[in-house]
N, C-alpha and C. Protein backbone atom coordinates (compact mmCIF):
# COMPACT_ATOMS: atom_id res chain seq x y z
N MET A 1 0.84 -1.19 0.00
CA MET A 1 0.00 0.00 0.00
C MET A 1 0.88 1.25 0.00
N PRO A 2 0.63 2.21 -0.89
CA PRO A 2 1.45 3.42 -0.95
C PRO A 2 1.42 4.19 0.36
N GLU A 3 2.59 4.77 0.69
CA GLU A 3 2.72 5.41 1.98
C GLU A 3 3.10 6.88 1.93
N ASP A 4 3.43 7.44 0.76
CA ASP A 4 3.85 8.83 0.75
C ASP A 4 3.27 9.57 -0.45
N GLU A 5 3.62 10.84 -0.60
CA GLU A 5 3.06 11.68 -1.65
C GLU A 5 3.44 11.24 -3.05
N HIS A 6 4.45 10.42 -3.20
CA HIS A 6 4.88 9.95 -4.53
C HIS A 6 4.31 8.56 -4.83
N ASN A 7 3.38 8.11 -3.99
CA ASN A 7 2.77 6.80 -4.17
C ASN A 7 3.79 5.68 -4.16
N LEU A 8 4.70 5.74 -3.21
CA LEU A 8 5.72 4.71 -3.07
C LEU A 8 5.36 3.76 -1.93
N THR A 9 5.72 2.50 -2.11
CA THR A 9 5.61 1.56 -1.01
C THR A 9 6.73 1.86 -0.02
N LEU A 10 6.66 1.26 1.14
CA LEU A 10 7.72 1.45 2.14
C LEU A 10 9.07 0.98 1.59
N LYS A 11 9.05 -0.12 0.86
CA LYS A 11 10.29 -0.65 0.30
C LYS A 11 10.86 0.29 -0.76
N GLN A 12 9.99 0.86 -1.59
CA GLN A 12 10.44 1.82 -2.60
C GLN A 12 10.99 3.08 -1.94
N GLU A 13 10.34 3.52 -0.88
CA GLU A 13 10.83 4.69 -0.14
C GLU A 13 12.21 4.40 0.46
N ALA A 14 12.37 3.19 0.98
CA ALA A 14 13.68 2.79 1.52
C ALA A 14 14.73 2.78 0.41
N PHE A 15 14.32 2.35 -0.79
CA PHE A 15 15.24 2.36 -1.93
C PHE A 15 15.69 3.79 -2.24
N VAL A 16 14.74 4.72 -2.29
CA VAL A 16 15.06 6.12 -2.59
C VAL A 16 16.05 6.66 -1.56
N CYS A 17 15.79 6.44 -0.29
CA CYS A 17 16.69 6.92 0.77
C CYS A 17 18.08 6.31 0.63
N ALA A 18 18.13 5.00 0.43
CA ALA A 18 19.43 4.32 0.30
C ALA A 18 20.18 4.80 -0.94
N TYR A 19 19.47 4.99 -2.03
CA TYR A 19 20.08 5.44 -3.29
C TYR A 19 20.74 6.81 -3.11
N LEU A 20 20.06 7.71 -2.42
CA LEU A 20 20.60 9.05 -2.21
C LEU A 20 21.73 9.05 -1.19
N GLN A 21 21.72 8.12 -0.26
CA GLN A 21 22.74 8.08 0.78
C GLN A 21 24.00 7.33 0.37
N ASN A 22 23.90 6.42 -0.58
CA ASN A 22 25.07 5.59 -0.90
C ASN A 22 25.84 6.04 -2.13
N GLY A 23 25.56 7.23 -2.62
CA GLY A 23 26.30 7.72 -3.78
C GLY A 23 25.67 7.30 -5.10
N PHE A 24 24.37 7.08 -5.12
CA PHE A 24 23.62 6.79 -6.34
C PHE A 24 23.95 5.43 -6.94
N ASN A 25 24.08 4.42 -6.09
CA ASN A 25 24.31 3.05 -6.55
C ASN A 25 23.00 2.28 -6.37
N ALA A 26 22.33 1.99 -7.49
CA ALA A 26 21.01 1.37 -7.45
C ALA A 26 21.06 -0.06 -6.92
N THR A 27 22.10 -0.81 -7.25
CA THR A 27 22.21 -2.19 -6.77
C THR A 27 22.33 -2.22 -5.25
N LYS A 28 23.22 -1.39 -4.71
CA LYS A 28 23.39 -1.33 -3.25
C LYS A 28 22.10 -0.85 -2.59
N ALA A 29 21.44 0.12 -3.22
CA ALA A 29 20.20 0.65 -2.65
C ALA A 29 19.12 -0.42 -2.60
N ALA A 30 19.03 -1.24 -3.64
CA ALA A 30 18.03 -2.32 -3.65
C ALA A 30 18.31 -3.31 -2.53
N LYS A 31 19.57 -3.67 -2.35
CA LYS A 31 19.93 -4.59 -1.26
C LYS A 31 19.60 -3.98 0.09
N THR A 32 19.98 -2.71 0.29
CA THR A 32 19.72 -2.02 1.55
C THR A 32 18.23 -1.93 1.84
N ALA A 33 17.44 -1.73 0.80
CA ALA A 33 15.99 -1.58 0.96
C ALA A 33 15.28 -2.91 1.21
N GLY A 34 16.02 -4.01 1.10
CA GLY A 34 15.44 -5.30 1.40
C GLY A 34 14.99 -6.12 0.22
N TYR A 35 15.35 -5.71 -0.99
CA TYR A 35 15.05 -6.52 -2.16
C TYR A 35 16.00 -7.71 -2.20
N ALA A 36 15.63 -8.76 -2.91
CA ALA A 36 16.45 -9.97 -2.99
C ALA A 36 17.83 -9.65 -3.56
N GLU A 37 18.87 -10.16 -2.90
CA GLU A 37 20.24 -9.87 -3.32
C GLU A 37 20.55 -10.39 -4.71
N ASP A 38 20.02 -11.57 -5.06
CA ASP A 38 20.36 -12.15 -6.36
C ASP A 38 19.73 -11.40 -7.53
N SER A 39 18.73 -10.56 -7.26
CA SER A 39 18.12 -9.78 -8.34
C SER A 39 18.24 -8.27 -8.08
N ALA A 40 19.12 -7.89 -7.15
CA ALA A 40 19.23 -6.48 -6.76
C ALA A 40 19.63 -5.58 -7.93
N ARG A 41 20.51 -6.07 -8.80
CA ARG A 41 20.95 -5.24 -9.95
C ARG A 41 19.77 -4.92 -10.86
N VAL A 42 18.99 -5.93 -11.19
CA VAL A 42 17.84 -5.74 -12.07
C VAL A 42 16.77 -4.89 -11.37
N THR A 43 16.50 -5.20 -10.11
CA THR A 43 15.50 -4.45 -9.36
C THR A 43 15.90 -2.98 -9.24
N GLY A 44 17.18 -2.73 -8.95
CA GLY A 44 17.65 -1.35 -8.85
C GLY A 44 17.43 -0.59 -10.14
N CYS A 45 17.76 -1.22 -11.26
CA CYS A 45 17.57 -0.60 -12.57
C CYS A 45 16.09 -0.35 -12.84
N GLN A 46 15.26 -1.33 -12.54
CA GLN A 46 13.82 -1.17 -12.74
C GLN A 46 13.28 -0.04 -11.87
N ASN A 47 13.75 0.03 -10.63
CA ASN A 47 13.28 1.09 -9.74
C ASN A 47 13.63 2.47 -10.29
N LEU A 48 14.79 2.61 -10.87
CA LEU A 48 15.19 3.91 -11.41
C LEU A 48 14.34 4.32 -12.61
N THR A 49 13.73 3.36 -13.29
CA THR A 49 12.87 3.69 -14.43
C THR A 49 11.41 3.85 -14.01
N ASN A 50 11.11 3.58 -12.75
CA ASN A 50 9.75 3.77 -12.24
C ASN A 50 9.50 5.26 -12.09
N PRO A 51 8.50 5.82 -12.77
CA PRO A 51 8.27 7.28 -12.73
C PRO A 51 8.06 7.84 -11.32
N ASN A 52 7.38 7.10 -10.46
CA ASN A 52 7.15 7.58 -9.09
C ASN A 52 8.45 7.64 -8.30
N ILE A 53 9.30 6.64 -8.48
CA ILE A 53 10.58 6.62 -7.78
C ILE A 53 11.48 7.72 -8.32
N ALA A 54 11.53 7.88 -9.64
CA ALA A 54 12.35 8.93 -10.25
C ALA A 54 11.89 10.31 -9.77
N GLU A 55 10.57 10.49 -9.68
CA GLU A 55 10.03 11.76 -9.20
C GLU A 55 10.42 12.00 -7.74
N ALA A 56 10.38 10.96 -6.93
CA ALA A 56 10.76 11.10 -5.52
C ALA A 56 12.24 11.45 -5.38
N ILE A 57 13.09 10.81 -6.18
CA ILE A 57 14.53 11.10 -6.15
C ILE A 57 14.76 12.55 -6.55
N ASN A 58 14.15 12.97 -7.65
CA ASN A 58 14.33 14.36 -8.12
C ASN A 58 13.79 15.37 -7.11
N ALA A 59 12.68 15.05 -6.47
CA ALA A 59 12.11 15.97 -5.48
C ALA A 59 13.05 16.13 -4.29
N ARG A 60 13.65 15.02 -3.85
CA ARG A 60 14.59 15.09 -2.73
C ARG A 60 15.82 15.91 -3.11
N LEU A 61 16.34 15.67 -4.32
CA LEU A 61 17.51 16.43 -4.77
C LEU A 61 17.17 17.91 -4.87
N ASP A 62 16.02 18.23 -5.45
CA ASP A 62 15.60 19.63 -5.57
C ASP A 62 15.44 20.28 -4.20
N SER A 63 14.89 19.54 -3.24
CA SER A 63 14.68 20.11 -1.90
C SER A 63 16.01 20.42 -1.22
N GLU A 64 17.05 19.75 -1.63
CA GLU A 64 18.39 20.00 -1.09
C GLU A 64 19.15 21.03 -1.94
N GLY A 65 18.50 21.55 -2.96
CA GLY A 65 19.15 22.53 -3.83
C GLY A 65 20.07 21.91 -4.86
N ILE A 66 19.92 20.61 -5.07
CA ILE A 66 20.77 19.91 -6.04
C ILE A 66 19.99 19.84 -7.35
N THR A 67 20.02 20.92 -8.09
CA THR A 67 19.28 21.02 -9.34
C THR A 67 20.22 20.80 -10.52
N PRO A 68 19.68 20.48 -11.69
CA PRO A 68 20.55 20.32 -12.87
C PRO A 68 21.39 21.57 -13.14
N ALA A 69 20.82 22.74 -12.98
CA ALA A 69 21.58 23.98 -13.24
C ALA A 69 22.74 24.11 -12.26
N ARG A 70 22.49 23.82 -11.00
CA ARG A 70 23.56 23.94 -10.00
C ARG A 70 24.66 22.91 -10.24
N ILE A 71 24.28 21.72 -10.66
CA ILE A 71 25.27 20.68 -10.97
C ILE A 71 26.14 21.13 -12.13
N LYS A 72 25.51 21.67 -13.18
CA LYS A 72 26.29 22.15 -14.34
C LYS A 72 27.27 23.24 -13.92
N ILE A 73 26.84 24.15 -13.08
CA ILE A 73 27.71 25.24 -12.63
C ILE A 73 28.89 24.68 -11.84
N ALA A 74 28.64 23.73 -10.96
CA ALA A 74 29.72 23.15 -10.16
C ALA A 74 30.72 22.41 -11.03
N ILE A 75 30.22 21.66 -11.99
CA ILE A 75 31.12 20.93 -12.90
C ILE A 75 31.92 21.92 -13.75
N ALA A 76 31.26 22.98 -14.20
CA ALA A 76 31.95 23.99 -15.02
C ALA A 76 33.06 24.67 -14.22
N LYS A 77 32.84 24.92 -12.94
CA LYS A 77 33.90 25.52 -12.11
C LYS A 77 35.12 24.62 -12.05
N ILE A 78 34.88 23.33 -11.88
CA ILE A 78 36.00 22.39 -11.84
C ILE A 78 36.69 22.36 -13.21
N ALA A 79 35.89 22.33 -14.27
CA ALA A 79 36.45 22.23 -15.62
C ALA A 79 37.27 23.45 -16.00
N PHE A 80 36.82 24.64 -15.62
CA PHE A 80 37.44 25.86 -16.13
C PHE A 80 38.22 26.68 -15.09
N ASP A 81 37.95 26.45 -13.81
CA ASP A 81 38.60 27.28 -12.79
C ASP A 81 39.64 26.53 -11.97
N SER A 82 39.87 25.28 -12.27
CA SER A 82 40.78 24.45 -11.48
C SER A 82 42.22 24.63 -11.96
N ASP A 83 42.99 25.41 -11.22
CA ASP A 83 44.38 25.67 -11.59
C ASP A 83 45.26 25.52 -10.36
N ALA A 84 46.12 24.51 -10.37
CA ALA A 84 46.98 24.24 -9.21
C ALA A 84 47.87 25.42 -8.88
N ALA A 85 48.22 26.23 -9.87
CA ALA A 85 49.08 27.39 -9.62
C ALA A 85 48.44 28.36 -8.63
N ASP A 86 47.10 28.38 -8.59
CA ASP A 86 46.39 29.26 -7.66
C ASP A 86 46.66 28.88 -6.21
N PHE A 87 47.12 27.66 -5.97
CA PHE A 87 47.31 27.18 -4.61
C PHE A 87 48.77 27.23 -4.15
N GLU A 88 49.68 27.63 -5.03
CA GLU A 88 51.10 27.65 -4.65
C GLU A 88 51.37 28.53 -3.44
N ALA A 89 50.84 29.73 -3.44
CA ALA A 89 51.06 30.64 -2.32
C ALA A 89 50.45 30.07 -1.04
N TRP A 90 49.30 29.41 -1.18
CA TRP A 90 48.66 28.82 -0.01
C TRP A 90 49.54 27.73 0.59
N LEU A 91 50.11 26.89 -0.28
CA LEU A 91 50.94 25.80 0.24
C LEU A 91 52.11 26.33 1.08
N ALA A 92 52.66 27.46 0.67
CA ALA A 92 53.78 28.04 1.40
C ALA A 92 53.33 28.83 2.63
N SER A 93 52.08 29.30 2.63
CA SER A 93 51.62 30.19 3.71
C SER A 93 51.30 29.47 5.02
N GLY A 94 50.92 28.21 4.94
CA GLY A 94 50.54 27.49 6.14
C GLY A 94 49.11 27.77 6.58
N LYS A 95 48.35 28.52 5.80
CA LYS A 95 46.96 28.80 6.13
C LYS A 95 46.11 27.55 5.94
N THR A 96 45.02 27.48 6.69
CA THR A 96 44.09 26.37 6.53
C THR A 96 43.13 26.67 5.39
N LEU A 97 42.46 25.64 4.91
CA LEU A 97 41.45 25.85 3.87
C LEU A 97 40.30 26.71 4.39
N VAL A 98 39.98 26.59 5.67
CA VAL A 98 38.94 27.42 6.26
C VAL A 98 39.33 28.89 6.18
N GLU A 99 40.59 29.20 6.47
CA GLU A 99 41.07 30.58 6.37
C GLU A 99 41.02 31.07 4.93
N LEU A 100 41.41 30.21 4.01
CA LEU A 100 41.36 30.60 2.60
C LEU A 100 39.92 30.86 2.16
N ARG A 101 39.00 29.99 2.58
CA ARG A 101 37.60 30.16 2.22
C ARG A 101 37.07 31.49 2.77
N ALA A 102 37.48 31.82 4.00
CA ALA A 102 37.04 33.08 4.61
C ALA A 102 37.56 34.29 3.83
N GLU A 103 38.68 34.11 3.13
CA GLU A 103 39.24 35.18 2.30
C GLU A 103 38.63 35.20 0.90
N GLY A 104 37.65 34.31 0.65
CA GLY A 104 36.97 34.29 -0.65
C GLY A 104 37.59 33.35 -1.67
N PHE A 105 38.52 32.51 -1.23
CA PHE A 105 39.17 31.57 -2.15
C PHE A 105 38.26 30.37 -2.39
N ASN A 106 38.18 29.90 -3.64
CA ASN A 106 37.33 28.76 -3.98
C ASN A 106 38.03 27.46 -3.61
N THR A 107 37.72 26.95 -2.43
CA THR A 107 38.35 25.71 -1.97
C THR A 107 37.57 24.47 -2.40
N SER A 108 36.44 24.66 -3.08
CA SER A 108 35.65 23.50 -3.52
C SER A 108 36.35 22.72 -4.62
N LEU A 109 37.40 23.27 -5.18
CA LEU A 109 38.16 22.58 -6.22
C LEU A 109 39.13 21.57 -5.66
N VAL A 110 39.35 21.61 -4.34
CA VAL A 110 40.33 20.74 -3.69
C VAL A 110 39.71 19.37 -3.42
N LYS A 111 40.33 18.35 -3.98
CA LYS A 111 39.87 16.99 -3.77
C LYS A 111 40.45 16.41 -2.48
N SER A 112 41.77 16.62 -2.27
CA SER A 112 42.38 16.11 -1.05
C SER A 112 43.67 16.88 -0.74
N ILE A 113 44.03 16.83 0.52
CA ILE A 113 45.28 17.41 0.99
C ILE A 113 45.91 16.39 1.93
N SER A 114 47.18 16.20 1.78
CA SER A 114 47.89 15.33 2.71
C SER A 114 49.24 15.96 3.04
N ILE A 115 49.72 15.67 4.21
CA ILE A 115 51.02 16.16 4.64
C ILE A 115 52.01 15.02 4.50
N THR A 116 53.06 15.27 3.75
CA THR A 116 54.10 14.27 3.54
C THR A 116 55.39 14.77 4.16
N SER A 117 56.42 13.96 4.10
CA SER A 117 57.71 14.37 4.65
C SER A 117 58.29 15.55 3.86
N LYS A 118 57.82 15.75 2.63
CA LYS A 118 58.30 16.84 1.79
C LYS A 118 57.41 18.08 1.87
N GLY A 119 56.35 18.00 2.67
CA GLY A 119 55.43 19.14 2.78
C GLY A 119 54.01 18.74 2.43
N ALA A 120 53.19 19.74 2.16
CA ALA A 120 51.78 19.49 1.84
C ALA A 120 51.64 19.03 0.39
N LYS A 121 50.75 18.08 0.19
CA LYS A 121 50.44 17.58 -1.15
C LYS A 121 48.97 17.90 -1.42
N LEU A 122 48.73 18.56 -2.52
CA LEU A 122 47.39 19.02 -2.87
C LEU A 122 46.92 18.32 -4.14
N GLU A 123 45.68 17.82 -4.11
CA GLU A 123 45.10 17.22 -5.31
C GLU A 123 43.79 17.93 -5.61
N LEU A 124 43.65 18.43 -6.84
CA LEU A 124 42.42 19.08 -7.28
C LEU A 124 41.56 18.08 -8.03
N TYR A 125 40.27 18.38 -8.10
CA TYR A 125 39.40 17.55 -8.93
C TYR A 125 39.85 17.68 -10.38
N SER A 126 39.67 16.63 -11.15
CA SER A 126 40.14 16.57 -12.52
C SER A 126 39.34 17.47 -13.46
N SER A 127 40.04 18.40 -14.10
CA SER A 127 39.40 19.25 -15.11
C SER A 127 38.91 18.42 -16.29
N LEU A 128 39.71 17.43 -16.67
CA LEU A 128 39.34 16.59 -17.80
C LEU A 128 38.07 15.80 -17.51
N ASP A 129 37.95 15.24 -16.31
CA ASP A 129 36.73 14.52 -15.95
C ASP A 129 35.52 15.45 -15.97
N ALA A 130 35.71 16.66 -15.47
CA ALA A 130 34.61 17.63 -15.44
C ALA A 130 34.22 18.04 -16.86
N LEU A 131 35.18 18.24 -17.72
CA LEU A 131 34.88 18.57 -19.12
C LEU A 131 34.13 17.43 -19.79
N ASP A 132 34.54 16.20 -19.50
CA ASP A 132 33.87 15.03 -20.04
C ASP A 132 32.40 15.00 -19.61
N LYS A 133 32.15 15.28 -18.34
CA LYS A 133 30.78 15.29 -17.84
C LYS A 133 29.96 16.40 -18.50
N LEU A 134 30.56 17.57 -18.67
CA LEU A 134 29.85 18.67 -19.33
C LEU A 134 29.52 18.31 -20.78
N ALA A 135 30.47 17.67 -21.45
CA ALA A 135 30.23 17.26 -22.83
C ALA A 135 29.05 16.29 -22.91
N LYS A 136 28.98 15.36 -21.96
CA LYS A 136 27.86 14.40 -21.94
C LYS A 136 26.55 15.12 -21.66
N ILE A 137 26.56 16.03 -20.69
CA ILE A 137 25.35 16.78 -20.33
C ILE A 137 24.80 17.53 -21.54
N HIS A 138 25.69 18.09 -22.33
CA HIS A 138 25.27 18.89 -23.49
C HIS A 138 25.16 18.07 -24.77
N GLY A 139 25.23 16.75 -24.65
CA GLY A 139 25.03 15.88 -25.79
C GLY A 139 26.08 16.02 -26.87
N MET A 140 27.30 16.39 -26.48
CA MET A 140 28.35 16.57 -27.47
C MET A 140 28.82 15.24 -28.04
N TYR A 141 28.60 14.18 -27.32
CA TYR A 141 28.84 12.84 -27.85
C TYR A 141 27.98 11.88 -27.07
N THR A 142 27.72 10.75 -27.67
CA THR A 142 26.92 9.73 -27.01
C THR A 142 27.72 8.45 -26.93
N GLU A 143 27.35 7.66 -25.98
CA GLU A 143 27.99 6.35 -25.84
C GLU A 143 27.02 5.32 -26.37
N ASN A 144 27.50 4.51 -27.28
CA ASN A 144 26.67 3.44 -27.82
C ASN A 144 27.11 2.13 -27.21
N ILE A 145 26.17 1.42 -26.63
CA ILE A 145 26.47 0.14 -26.03
C ILE A 145 25.69 -0.92 -26.79
N ASP A 146 26.40 -1.90 -27.30
CA ASP A 146 25.79 -2.98 -28.04
C ASP A 146 25.21 -3.97 -27.03
N VAL A 147 23.90 -4.03 -26.94
CA VAL A 147 23.27 -4.91 -25.96
C VAL A 147 22.61 -6.12 -26.61
N THR A 148 22.70 -6.23 -27.92
CA THR A 148 21.99 -7.33 -28.56
C THR A 148 22.87 -8.28 -29.35
N SER A 149 23.88 -7.79 -30.01
CA SER A 149 24.62 -8.66 -30.92
C SER A 149 25.96 -9.15 -30.38
N LYS A 150 26.31 -8.74 -29.16
CA LYS A 150 27.57 -9.15 -28.54
C LYS A 150 28.77 -8.90 -29.45
N GLY A 151 28.75 -7.76 -30.15
CA GLY A 151 29.87 -7.37 -30.99
C GLY A 151 29.88 -7.98 -32.37
N LYS A 152 28.95 -8.88 -32.66
CA LYS A 152 28.89 -9.50 -33.98
C LYS A 152 28.01 -8.65 -34.88
N GLY A 153 28.25 -8.74 -36.17
CA GLY A 153 27.42 -7.99 -37.11
C GLY A 153 25.97 -8.42 -37.03
N ILE A 154 25.08 -7.48 -37.18
CA ILE A 154 23.66 -7.79 -37.13
C ILE A 154 23.23 -8.25 -38.52
N GLN A 155 22.60 -9.41 -38.58
CA GLN A 155 22.20 -9.99 -39.85
C GLN A 155 20.70 -9.81 -40.05
N SER A 156 20.30 -9.79 -41.30
CA SER A 156 18.87 -9.68 -41.59
C SER A 156 18.19 -10.99 -41.19
N LEU A 157 16.89 -10.95 -41.16
CA LEU A 157 16.13 -12.13 -40.77
C LEU A 157 16.30 -13.22 -41.82
N PRO A 158 16.70 -14.40 -41.40
CA PRO A 158 16.92 -15.47 -42.38
C PRO A 158 15.61 -15.91 -43.04
N GLY A 159 15.69 -16.19 -44.32
CA GLY A 159 14.54 -16.71 -45.04
C GLY A 159 13.60 -15.65 -45.59
N LEU A 160 13.89 -14.36 -45.33
CA LEU A 160 13.02 -13.31 -45.85
C LEU A 160 13.69 -12.64 -47.04
N SER A 161 12.91 -12.47 -48.07
CA SER A 161 13.43 -11.80 -49.26
C SER A 161 13.38 -10.29 -49.04
N LYS A 162 13.98 -9.55 -49.95
CA LYS A 162 13.93 -8.09 -49.87
C LYS A 162 12.50 -7.59 -49.94
N GLU A 163 11.68 -8.28 -50.73
CA GLU A 163 10.28 -7.90 -50.85
C GLU A 163 9.55 -8.11 -49.52
N ASP A 164 9.82 -9.25 -48.85
CA ASP A 164 9.21 -9.53 -47.55
C ASP A 164 9.61 -8.46 -46.53
N LEU A 165 10.88 -8.09 -46.53
CA LEU A 165 11.37 -7.07 -45.62
C LEU A 165 10.71 -5.72 -45.90
N ALA A 166 10.52 -5.39 -47.18
CA ALA A 166 9.88 -4.14 -47.56
C ALA A 166 8.42 -4.12 -47.07
N ILE A 167 7.73 -5.25 -47.19
CA ILE A 167 6.34 -5.34 -46.72
C ILE A 167 6.28 -5.15 -45.21
N LEU A 168 7.19 -5.81 -44.47
CA LEU A 168 7.25 -5.67 -43.03
C LEU A 168 7.52 -4.21 -42.63
N ALA A 169 8.48 -3.62 -43.32
CA ALA A 169 8.85 -2.23 -43.02
C ALA A 169 7.67 -1.29 -43.26
N GLU A 170 6.95 -1.52 -44.34
CA GLU A 170 5.80 -0.68 -44.66
C GLU A 170 4.70 -0.82 -43.61
N LYS A 171 4.44 -2.05 -43.15
CA LYS A 171 3.41 -2.29 -42.15
C LYS A 171 3.76 -1.66 -40.80
N HIS A 172 5.04 -1.64 -40.48
CA HIS A 172 5.47 -1.19 -39.14
C HIS A 172 6.15 0.17 -39.15
N GLY A 173 6.08 0.87 -40.26
CA GLY A 173 6.63 2.21 -40.32
C GLY A 173 8.15 2.28 -40.28
N GLY A 174 8.79 1.19 -40.70
CA GLY A 174 10.26 1.17 -40.70
C GLY A 174 10.82 1.72 -41.99
N PRO A 175 12.14 1.69 -42.16
CA PRO A 175 12.77 2.19 -43.37
C PRO A 175 12.38 1.35 -44.58
N GLU A 176 12.32 2.00 -45.71
CA GLU A 176 11.95 1.27 -46.94
C GLU A 176 13.16 0.65 -47.57
């Protein structure tokens, strides 16, 4: 019986919560929500295509201010504003990231910091990865995955003549 405004069952609601908490892994979310482990991958994928579940996920993201526009802006900052040279003075200054942020410095570009025997080591988020994500968002290229022929050439239906294929195409609105 549906339990919330998105007409989700308790198990579907648990899936939504787990999906948002575990870094958007549908298989793990299905397992966490109590779906069968041996079919968790399929169930997770099916849940993501369920309009009510997708709506609930998007509503939760929107309520947290995680909108498509904000995501694009954040990725664009990483892609275009990430320059390690900007951090050279900081590395020598001994200031904390909190102090830099208070001075208006964009510390969101920093992926990690570690102290080594040679001093501080700084790692920024990858500009190339961010550019790749922006390109995908804007449809600059698509990924084609062969899910039917396992890499083998696709052959026409055996036993059908060109005329038979033309009749089928005409009946079903396919290419002539």
